[in-house]
Protein backbone atom coordinates (compact mmCIF):
# COMPACT_ATOMS: atom_id res chain seq x y z
CA GLN A 1 -21.74 2.06 37.54
CA THR A 2 -23.08 0.53 34.46
CA ARG A 3 -22.53 3.67 32.39
CA ALA A 4 -18.94 3.78 33.65
CA GLY A 5 -18.52 0.19 32.50
CA VAL A 6 -19.71 1.10 29.05
CA GLY A 7 -17.52 4.09 28.91
CA VAL A 8 -14.62 1.97 29.65
CA LYS A 9 -15.65 -0.48 26.95
CA VAL A 10 -15.86 2.51 24.51
CA GLY A 11 -12.47 3.67 25.46
CA SER A 12 -11.05 0.15 24.87
CA GLY A 13 -12.73 -0.02 21.42
CA SER A 14 -11.35 3.46 20.70
CA ALA A 15 -7.88 2.25 21.43
CA SER A 16 -8.41 -0.79 19.21
CA ALA A 17 -9.52 1.25 16.44
CA GLY A 18 -6.39 3.49 16.89
CA GLU A 19 -4.31 0.26 16.51
CA MET A 20 -6.20 -1.00 13.64
CA SER A 21 -6.06 2.42 11.95
CA SER A 22 -2.22 2.19 12.17
CA SER A 23 -2.28 -1.31 10.48
CA GLU A 24 -4.75 -0.01 7.88
CA PRO A 25 -2.42 2.89 6.77
CA SER A 26 0.36 0.44 6.35
CA THR A 27 -1.56 -1.74 4.05
CA PRO A 28 -2.53 1.12 1.75
CA ALA A 29 0.95 2.39 1.80
CA GLN A 30 2.09 -1.17 0.28
CA THR A 31 -0.58 -0.79 -2.31
CA PRO A 32 0.93 2.32 -3.71
CA LEU A 33 4.40 0.87 -3.65
CA ALA A 34 3.08 -2.32 -5.54
CA ALA A 35 1.53 0.01 -8.23
CA PRO A 36 4.98 1.61 -9.04
CA VAL A 37 6.57 -1.86 -9.17
CA ILE A 38 3.93 -2.91 -11.81
CA PRO A 39 4.82 0.01 -14.14
CA SER A 40 8.48 -1.26 -13.79
CA PRO A 41 7.69 -4.53 -15.31
CA VAL A 42 5.61 -2.81 -18.18
CA GLY A 43 8.87 -0.63 -18.93
CA ALA A 44 10.81 -3.92 -18.98
CA LEU A 45 8.51 -5.14 -21.86
CA PRO A 46 9.22 -2.06 -24.13
CA SER A 47 12.96 -2.65 -23.12
CA PRO A 48 13.15 -5.58 -25.43
CA GLY A 49 11.91 -3.54 -28.18
CA ALA A 50 14.78 -1.06 -27.58
CA PRO A 51 17.32 -3.52 -28.87
CA PRO A 52 15.93 -3.23 -32.35
CA ILE A 53 16.26 0.62 -32.14
CA PRO A 54 20.00 0.28 -31.34
CA GLY A 55 20.30 -2.12 -34.36
CA PRO A 56 19.33 0.65 -36.84
CA SER A 57 21.52 3.19 -34.93
CA LYS A 58 24.56 1.00 -35.75
């Protein structure tokens, strides 16, 4: 009977891990999204430099 109880506990833990696993992938997914967002701001910095280029073009 004790063994069965332990088995049930292990099963519960497994289910918990599965739920946590789902949450974990969600967090990493957000990190990659944030990375692309950072490059965006970086591109904006060079943007201000672009105005000078159009000046000479004129």
